[in-house]
Amino acid sequence: MDNENKEIRNAKNIISTIYTADAKEKMRSQAEINARYQVCCKRYKEFKNCSAEFREQKVMIYAELKVLGWVLGKSDTKISQEANF
């Protein structure tokens, strides 16, 4: 029982250290988010038009695109339109 409690405390310490370190990072500005969104749109279109199969990369880029779009306050349909056209 003591070993379990010790392991739990150690895990909590590791997790709190990780999140504390990340908390020091500066938030992105609206312009940075918008620029990243535009880059993701461009990359997604490039992968979409590529003849080779890059399904995993397309899914990852599209997921990032969706999150950035939501942060910018865009609807799902607007994000899909901008990504595909």
Protein backbone atom coordinates (compact mmCIF):
# COMPACT_ATOMS: atom_id res chain seq x y z
CA MET A 1 0.00 0.00 0.00
CA ASP A 2 2.85 2.38 0.82
CA ASN A 3 4.51 1.67 -2.52
CA GLU A 4 1.27 2.50 -4.35
CA ASN A 5 0.92 5.80 -2.51
CA LYS A 6 4.55 6.62 -3.22
CA GLU A 7 4.10 5.84 -6.92
CA ILE A 8 0.97 7.99 -7.06
CA ARG A 9 2.78 10.90 -5.38
CA ASN A 10 5.69 10.53 -7.80
CA ALA A 11 3.34 10.52 -10.79
CA LYS A 12 1.54 13.62 -9.47
CA ASN A 13 4.88 15.39 -9.01
CA ILE A 14 5.94 14.57 -12.55
CA ILE A 15 2.61 15.73 -13.99
CA SER A 16 2.59 18.96 -11.98
CA THR A 17 6.18 19.68 -13.06
CA ILE A 18 5.27 19.22 -16.72
CA TYR A 19 2.22 21.47 -16.54
CA THR A 20 4.03 24.10 -14.49
CA ALA A 21 6.81 24.29 -17.09
CA ASP A 22 4.28 24.66 -19.92
CA ALA A 23 2.43 27.43 -18.07
CA LYS A 24 5.41 29.76 -18.57
CA GLU A 25 4.93 29.85 -22.34
CA LYS A 26 3.48 32.97 -23.91
CA MET A 27 0.05 32.73 -25.53
CA ARG A 28 -0.09 33.20 -29.29
CA SER A 29 -1.49 36.46 -30.62
CA GLN A 30 -4.49 36.61 -32.95
CA ALA A 31 -2.17 37.43 -35.86
CA GLU A 32 0.05 34.40 -35.12
CA ILE A 33 -2.96 32.09 -34.93
CA ASN A 34 -4.36 33.48 -38.17
CA ALA A 35 -0.99 33.08 -39.93
CA ARG A 36 -0.70 29.49 -38.70
CA TYR A 37 -4.28 28.83 -39.88
CA GLN A 38 -3.45 30.13 -43.37
CA VAL A 39 -0.30 27.97 -43.52
CA CYS A 40 -2.32 24.90 -42.48
CA CYS A 41 -4.90 25.64 -45.20
CA LYS A 42 -2.13 25.83 -47.79
CA ARG A 43 -0.44 22.64 -46.58
CA TYR A 44 -3.76 20.76 -46.50
CA LYS A 45 -4.52 21.77 -50.08
CA GLU A 46 -1.05 20.66 -51.17
CA PHE A 47 -1.47 17.24 -49.54
CA LYS A 48 -4.99 16.92 -50.89
CA ASN A 49 -3.85 17.51 -54.48
CA CYS A 50 -0.83 15.22 -54.16
CA SER A 51 -1.00 11.95 -56.08
CA ALA A 52 0.67 9.94 -53.28
CA GLU A 53 -1.28 8.78 -50.26
CA PHE A 54 -0.57 10.93 -47.20
CA ARG A 55 -3.70 10.14 -45.19
CA GLU A 56 -2.12 10.43 -41.73
CA GLN A 57 -0.51 13.76 -42.52
CA LYS A 58 -3.75 15.09 -44.01
CA VAL A 59 -5.69 14.05 -40.91
CA MET A 60 -3.14 15.68 -38.60
CA ILE A 61 -3.09 18.92 -40.59
CA TYR A 62 -6.88 18.99 -40.80
CA ALA A 63 -7.17 18.48 -37.04
CA GLU A 64 -4.82 21.40 -36.40
CA LEU A 65 -6.73 23.44 -38.94
CA LYS A 66 -10.02 22.76 -37.14
CA VAL A 67 -8.63 23.74 -33.73
CA LEU A 68 -7.07 26.93 -35.06
CA GLY A 69 -10.30 27.76 -36.85
CA TRP A 70 -12.29 27.28 -33.66
CA VAL A 71 -9.87 29.53 -31.79
CA LEU A 72 -10.48 32.16 -34.47
CA GLY A 73 -14.24 31.73 -33.98
CA LYS A 74 -14.94 30.11 -37.34
CA SER A 75 -17.71 27.57 -37.85
CA ASP A 76 -17.03 24.01 -39.00
CA THR A 77 -18.55 24.68 -42.42
CA LYS A 78 -16.43 27.81 -42.91
CA ILE A 79 -13.27 25.90 -41.97
CA SER A 80 -14.15 23.09 -44.40
CA GLN A 81 -14.84 25.58 -47.19
CA GLU A 82 -11.57 27.42 -46.66
CA ALA A 83 -9.61 24.17 -46.46
CA ASN A 84 -11.12 22.65 -49.59
CA PHE A 85 -11.39 25.64 -51.96
